Amino acid sequence: MQPVTGSQRARWVAALVTFGIMASLFVAAPVLGANGDSPKAGIVQAALVGLGYYFSNSPWIFGNGGFFGLYRPLVAGFIVGIIFGDPVKGAEIGASINLLYIGFISAGGSIPADPSVAGWVGTALAMAGGLDAQAAVGLGVAVGLLGTIIFFTRMSVDAVFAHWADERAERGDISGVSRMNWVPSQVFLFIISFFPATIAVYAGAGVVSDWIAWLNGNAPWVLKGFEIAGGLLPALGIAMNMRFIFRGTVAAYFFIGYLVSVASAGGVGIVMIAIIGIALAMLHVAFVGTRPMDQKGAAA
């Protein structure tokens, strides 16, 4: 019973913390937005944007943010709008940037661009610079591309922390394994996300644009390399998914979905195919069950 009690307590704490953060931002919005007419953001505004960008990539706020919340440009734009004293304009800019990533998918440990930094930093730069929603789209594209540098750096360095956890596992240090799975990775994530985002917002859109232009002129291989990696690595993720799909008795559903998509010639949208997939999954579980699969893929 204790784990259930703890889980319920965590939900209440999560709700209270999230409500407290949003309420504080709403109350402070008039004061924070006093600098809104300036071509630069204030240091407090910039720090809050950097903190939001960090939270969007971290497990904190008890799961109320993350990939399906704060990571999305629409959500980020609304909160940035609160920080700058104009939540409506922030939501409009965030929605415009979100359109660029409406079909976003991260596969194979790679992303073609970073929607989170585009939403947080892109919206903040647009609002500080007095740009409208349409003009902010181009800025969001550039900032999102730069965000891949942070993403790939994080993924590469975090692999080192996994080896640290392995070393403690070999010594039987369970608490050490637990610490290595979140302490160094979150400290590193805070450093590489909070500070660059805060500096970029405080410096202003002009500095960021100059930095992108400098990279294109003096080190084009940096952005080009991330662009190529963003195109190649998803193929690895797709291959891994295909390897899983063609195990057991679920391969037929892949061909059903493919044929429905092709034969309909665009008449059946992706949402309809997803609904059909959910219905087939329910039927599969009802008739086949959820028994574990043996090594040959047959139900045990």
Protein backbone atom coordinates (compact mmCIF):
# COMPACT_ATOMS: atom_id res chain seq x y z
CA MET A 1 0.00 0.00 0.00
CA GLN A 2 2.89 2.34 0.63
CA PRO A 3 3.88 2.72 -3.06
CA VAL A 4 0.26 3.66 -3.93
CA THR A 5 0.17 6.28 -1.15
CA GLY A 6 3.48 7.69 -2.30
CA SER A 7 2.25 7.83 -5.89
CA GLN A 8 -0.90 9.72 -4.88
CA ARG A 9 1.15 12.15 -2.82
CA ALA A 10 3.46 12.72 -5.77
CA ARG A 11 0.49 13.60 -7.98
CA TRP A 12 -0.78 16.15 -5.48
CA VAL A 13 2.67 17.67 -5.14
CA ALA A 14 2.99 17.72 -8.93
CA ALA A 15 -0.31 19.54 -9.31
CA LEU A 16 0.53 22.05 -6.58
CA VAL A 17 4.02 22.76 -7.95
CA THR A 18 2.74 23.19 -11.50
CA PHE A 19 -0.13 25.41 -10.35
CA GLY A 20 2.26 27.44 -8.20
CA ILE A 21 4.66 28.02 -11.10
CA MET A 22 1.89 29.08 -13.50
CA ALA A 23 0.21 31.29 -10.89
CA SER A 24 3.51 32.99 -10.08
CA LEU A 25 4.13 33.71 -13.75
CA PHE A 26 0.64 35.15 -14.20
CA VAL A 27 1.03 37.39 -11.16
CA ALA A 28 4.48 38.55 -12.22
CA ALA A 29 3.55 38.96 -15.91
CA PRO A 30 2.87 42.75 -15.73
CA VAL A 31 6.22 43.37 -14.07
CA LEU A 32 8.12 41.02 -16.36
CA GLY A 33 6.44 42.49 -19.42
CA ALA A 34 7.47 46.03 -18.55
CA ASN A 35 10.59 45.50 -20.62
CA GLY A 36 8.59 44.14 -23.57
CA ASP A 37 9.06 47.20 -25.78
CA SER A 38 12.84 46.92 -25.54
CA PRO A 39 14.74 45.22 -28.40
CA LYS A 40 16.35 43.07 -25.72
CA ALA A 41 14.92 40.88 -22.99
CA GLY A 42 15.68 41.58 -19.35
CA ILE A 43 17.98 39.22 -17.46
CA VAL A 44 15.09 37.84 -15.39
CA GLN A 45 13.02 37.18 -18.49
CA ALA A 46 15.96 35.52 -20.22
CA ALA A 47 16.68 33.35 -17.17
CA LEU A 48 13.05 32.20 -16.96
CA VAL A 49 13.11 31.25 -20.64
CA GLY A 50 16.36 29.32 -20.11
CA LEU A 51 14.84 27.56 -17.11
CA GLY A 52 11.76 26.64 -19.13
CA TYR A 53 13.93 25.20 -21.89
CA TYR A 54 15.77 23.08 -19.34
CA PHE A 55 12.52 21.83 -17.80
CA SER A 56 11.20 20.88 -21.24
CA ASN A 57 14.04 18.37 -21.63
CA SER A 58 14.17 17.14 -18.03
CA PRO A 59 12.03 14.74 -15.95
CA TRP A 60 11.13 17.37 -13.36
CA ILE A 61 7.79 19.05 -12.59
CA PHE A 62 6.71 15.48 -11.90
CA GLY A 63 6.02 14.62 -15.51
CA ASN A 64 3.65 17.54 -16.12
CA GLY A 65 5.96 18.96 -18.76
CA GLY A 66 8.43 17.05 -20.86
CA PHE A 67 7.99 15.77 -24.40
CA PHE A 68 4.21 16.15 -24.56
CA GLY A 69 4.04 19.46 -22.69
CA LEU A 70 6.74 22.07 -22.31
CA TYR A 71 8.64 20.59 -25.27
CA ARG A 72 5.98 21.76 -27.71
CA PRO A 73 6.41 25.25 -29.24
CA LEU A 74 2.74 26.09 -28.72
CA VAL A 75 2.98 25.45 -24.97
CA ALA A 76 6.39 27.10 -24.78
CA GLY A 77 5.15 30.14 -26.69
CA PHE A 78 2.21 30.62 -24.34
CA ILE A 79 4.45 30.50 -21.25
CA VAL A 80 7.02 32.79 -22.88
CA GLY A 81 4.15 35.16 -23.63
CA ILE A 82 3.29 35.18 -19.92
CA ILE A 83 6.92 35.95 -19.10
CA PHE A 84 6.89 38.87 -21.53
CA GLY A 85 3.49 40.10 -20.40
CA ASP A 86 1.53 39.14 -23.54
CA PRO A 87 0.40 35.49 -23.44
CA VAL A 88 -1.87 35.89 -26.48
CA LYS A 89 0.95 37.05 -28.74
CA GLY A 90 3.23 34.40 -27.29
CA ALA A 91 0.69 31.70 -28.10
CA GLU A 92 0.29 33.06 -31.64
CA ILE A 93 4.04 32.98 -32.26
CA GLY A 94 4.38 29.56 -30.62
CA ALA A 95 1.53 28.19 -32.76
CA SER A 96 3.18 29.50 -35.94
CA ILE A 97 6.47 27.84 -34.99
CA ASN A 98 4.62 24.67 -33.97
CA LEU A 99 3.31 24.28 -37.52
CA LEU A 100 6.87 23.63 -38.66
CA TYR A 101 7.12 20.65 -36.31
CA ILE A 102 3.60 19.27 -36.46
CA GLY A 103 4.96 16.11 -38.10
CA PHE A 104 8.05 16.02 -35.91
CA ILE A 105 9.41 12.62 -34.96
CA SER A 106 12.60 11.60 -33.18
CA ALA A 107 13.87 8.19 -34.28
CA GLY A 108 17.19 6.43 -33.90
CA GLY A 109 18.47 8.86 -31.28
CA SER A 110 18.37 11.75 -33.72
CA ILE A 111 16.31 14.86 -34.36
CA PRO A 112 16.32 16.94 -37.59
CA ALA A 113 15.72 20.08 -35.48
CA ASP A 114 14.88 20.96 -31.89
CA PRO A 115 11.25 22.10 -31.52
CA SER A 116 11.79 22.92 -27.86
CA VAL A 117 14.50 25.53 -28.33
CA ALA A 118 12.60 26.89 -31.34
CA GLY A 119 9.56 27.40 -29.14
CA TRP A 120 11.28 28.81 -26.07
CA VAL A 121 14.16 30.80 -27.51
CA GLY A 122 12.56 31.53 -30.89
CA THR A 123 9.41 32.98 -29.33
CA ALA A 124 11.40 34.98 -26.77
CA LEU A 125 13.65 36.49 -29.43
CA ALA A 126 10.66 37.33 -31.61
CA MET A 127 8.77 39.00 -28.76
CA ALA A 128 11.81 40.90 -27.54
CA GLY A 129 12.51 42.09 -31.07
CA GLY A 130 8.89 43.06 -31.78
CA LEU A 131 8.46 40.50 -34.59
CA ASP A 132 5.06 39.20 -35.62
CA ALA A 133 4.09 35.53 -35.88
CA GLN A 134 4.99 35.22 -39.55
CA ALA A 135 8.42 36.78 -39.16
CA ALA A 136 9.10 34.55 -36.15
CA VAL A 137 8.82 31.38 -38.25
CA GLY A 138 12.14 31.92 -40.02
CA LEU A 139 13.80 32.68 -36.72
CA GLY A 140 12.34 29.49 -35.24
CA VAL A 141 13.81 27.42 -38.06
CA ALA A 142 17.30 28.79 -37.52
CA VAL A 143 17.18 28.47 -33.74
CA GLY A 144 15.73 24.96 -33.98
CA LEU A 145 18.62 23.91 -36.20
CA LEU A 146 21.14 25.24 -33.71
CA GLY A 147 19.37 23.29 -30.98
CA THR A 148 20.54 20.03 -32.54
CA ILE A 149 24.04 20.88 -31.34
CA ILE A 150 22.80 20.77 -27.74
CA PHE A 151 20.85 17.56 -28.38
CA PHE A 152 23.72 15.61 -29.94
CA THR A 153 26.15 16.88 -27.32
CA ARG A 154 23.82 15.68 -24.58
CA MET A 155 23.35 12.23 -26.15
CA SER A 156 27.10 11.77 -26.64
CA VAL A 157 28.16 12.82 -23.15
CA ASP A 158 25.34 10.94 -21.42
CA ALA A 159 26.82 7.70 -22.76
CA VAL A 160 29.78 8.29 -20.43
CA PHE A 161 27.45 8.50 -17.43
CA ALA A 162 25.98 5.12 -18.36
CA HIS A 163 29.45 3.59 -17.99
CA TRP A 164 29.76 5.23 -14.58
CA ALA A 165 26.52 3.50 -13.59
CA ASP A 166 27.87 0.18 -14.94
CA GLU A 167 30.96 0.48 -12.76
CA ARG A 168 28.84 0.93 -9.64
CA ALA A 169 26.58 -1.94 -10.67
CA GLU A 170 29.59 -4.24 -10.82
CA ARG A 171 30.42 -3.25 -7.24
CA GLY A 172 26.83 -3.86 -6.12
CA ASP A 173 26.29 -0.18 -5.30
CA ILE A 174 22.58 0.15 -6.11
CA SER A 175 22.26 3.67 -4.72
CA GLY A 176 25.29 4.68 -6.78
CA VAL A 177 23.66 3.30 -9.93
CA SER A 178 20.56 5.35 -9.15
CA ARG A 179 22.57 8.54 -8.63
CA MET A 180 24.56 8.05 -11.83
CA ASN A 181 21.33 7.76 -13.78
CA TRP A 182 20.15 11.24 -12.95
CA VAL A 183 22.63 13.44 -11.06
CA PRO A 184 25.45 13.95 -13.61
CA SER A 185 23.11 13.87 -16.61
CA GLN A 186 20.79 16.53 -15.17
CA VAL A 187 23.65 18.75 -14.04
CA PHE A 188 25.17 18.52 -17.51
CA LEU A 189 21.79 19.13 -19.17
CA PHE A 190 21.23 22.23 -17.04
CA ILE A 191 24.62 23.63 -18.05
CA ILE A 192 24.25 23.06 -21.79
CA SER A 193 20.59 24.15 -21.99
CA PHE A 194 19.95 26.86 -19.38
CA PHE A 195 23.03 28.99 -19.99
CA PRO A 196 23.04 29.01 -23.84
CA ALA A 197 19.29 29.73 -23.95
CA THR A 198 19.55 32.49 -21.35
CA ILE A 199 22.53 34.11 -23.08
CA ALA A 200 20.86 33.88 -26.52
CA VAL A 201 17.63 35.50 -25.30
CA TYR A 202 19.45 38.21 -23.36
CA ALA A 203 21.82 38.96 -26.25
CA GLY A 204 18.96 39.31 -28.72
CA ALA A 205 18.01 38.06 -32.16
CA GLY A 206 20.75 40.06 -33.89
CA VAL A 207 23.54 38.22 -32.09
CA VAL A 208 21.98 34.82 -32.79
CA SER A 209 21.54 35.67 -36.47
CA ASP A 210 25.16 36.82 -36.67
CA TRP A 211 26.29 33.57 -35.06
CA ILE A 212 24.34 31.49 -37.59
CA ALA A 213 25.76 33.57 -40.44
CA TRP A 214 29.28 33.14 -39.05
CA LEU A 215 28.86 29.37 -38.91
CA ASN A 216 27.56 29.27 -42.48
CA GLY A 217 30.46 31.38 -43.69
CA ASN A 218 33.38 30.02 -41.67
CA ALA A 219 32.36 26.55 -40.55
CA PRO A 220 29.50 25.38 -42.80
CA TRP A 221 30.39 21.77 -42.06
CA VAL A 222 29.05 22.16 -38.52
CA LEU A 223 25.44 22.85 -39.49
CA LYS A 224 25.73 20.64 -42.58
CA GLY A 225 27.02 17.77 -40.46
CA PHE A 226 24.05 17.97 -38.11
CA GLU A 227 21.71 18.22 -41.06
CA ILE A 228 23.18 15.04 -42.59
CA ALA A 229 23.08 13.24 -39.25
CA GLY A 230 19.48 14.27 -38.81
CA GLY A 231 18.71 12.68 -42.17
CA LEU A 232 20.65 9.44 -41.68
CA LEU A 233 20.05 8.45 -38.09
CA PRO A 234 16.25 8.27 -38.37
CA ALA A 235 16.81 5.43 -40.84
CA LEU A 236 18.43 3.49 -38.01
CA GLY A 237 15.43 4.13 -35.79
CA ILE A 238 13.05 3.01 -38.53
CA ALA A 239 15.12 -0.15 -39.07
CA MET A 240 14.96 -0.93 -35.35
CA ASN A 241 11.20 -0.44 -35.37
CA MET A 242 10.83 -2.67 -38.42
CA ARG A 243 12.89 -5.37 -36.72
CA PHE A 244 10.48 -5.32 -33.80
CA ILE A 245 7.38 -5.24 -36.02
CA PHE A 246 8.40 -8.35 -37.95
CA ARG A 247 8.64 -10.46 -34.83
CA GLY A 248 5.74 -12.59 -33.77
CA THR A 249 2.26 -12.25 -35.22
CA VAL A 250 1.98 -8.50 -35.73
CA ALA A 251 3.72 -8.21 -39.11
CA ALA A 252 0.40 -8.50 -40.95
CA TYR A 253 -0.83 -5.27 -39.38
CA PHE A 254 2.04 -3.35 -40.93
CA PHE A 255 0.99 -4.44 -44.43
CA ILE A 256 -2.67 -3.71 -43.66
CA GLY A 257 -1.80 -0.16 -42.66
CA TYR A 258 0.48 0.28 -45.68
CA LEU A 259 -2.12 -0.99 -48.15
CA VAL A 260 -4.87 1.17 -46.61
CA SER A 261 -2.63 4.22 -46.92
CA VAL A 262 -1.58 3.50 -50.52
CA ALA A 263 -4.85 2.13 -51.90
CA SER A 264 -6.84 5.05 -50.52
CA ALA A 265 -4.70 7.49 -52.57
CA GLY A 266 -4.88 10.03 -49.78
CA GLY A 267 -8.53 9.43 -49.02
CA VAL A 268 -7.77 8.00 -45.58
CA GLY A 269 -5.76 10.33 -43.38
CA ILE A 270 -3.14 9.40 -40.83
CA VAL A 271 -5.63 9.96 -38.00
CA MET A 272 -8.07 7.46 -39.52
CA ILE A 273 -5.28 4.94 -39.98
CA ALA A 274 -4.29 5.43 -36.35
CA ILE A 275 -7.90 4.75 -35.26
CA ILE A 276 -7.96 1.59 -37.37
CA GLY A 277 -4.65 0.56 -35.78
CA ILE A 278 -6.03 1.04 -32.27
CA ALA A 279 -9.09 -1.05 -33.14
CA LEU A 280 -6.90 -3.83 -34.56
CA ALA A 281 -4.67 -3.70 -31.49
CA MET A 282 -7.71 -4.14 -29.24
CA LEU A 283 -8.87 -7.11 -31.30
CA HIS A 284 -5.37 -8.59 -31.24
CA VAL A 285 -5.18 -8.37 -27.45
CA ALA A 286 -8.72 -9.75 -27.11
CA PHE A 287 -8.11 -12.82 -29.27
CA VAL A 288 -4.38 -13.45 -28.84
CA GLY A 289 -3.88 -12.02 -25.35
CA THR A 290 -0.74 -10.51 -23.87
CA ARG A 291 1.17 -13.73 -23.27
CA PRO A 292 4.96 -13.45 -23.48
CA MET A 293 6.60 -14.39 -26.74
CA ASP A 294 9.24 -17.07 -26.99
CA GLN A 295 12.45 -16.66 -28.95
CA LYS A 296 10.82 -17.81 -32.18
CA GLY A 297 8.07 -15.20 -31.87
CA ALA A 298 5.24 -17.62 -31.05
CA ALA A 299 3.02 -17.16 -28.03
CA ALA A 300 4.40 -19.10 -25.07
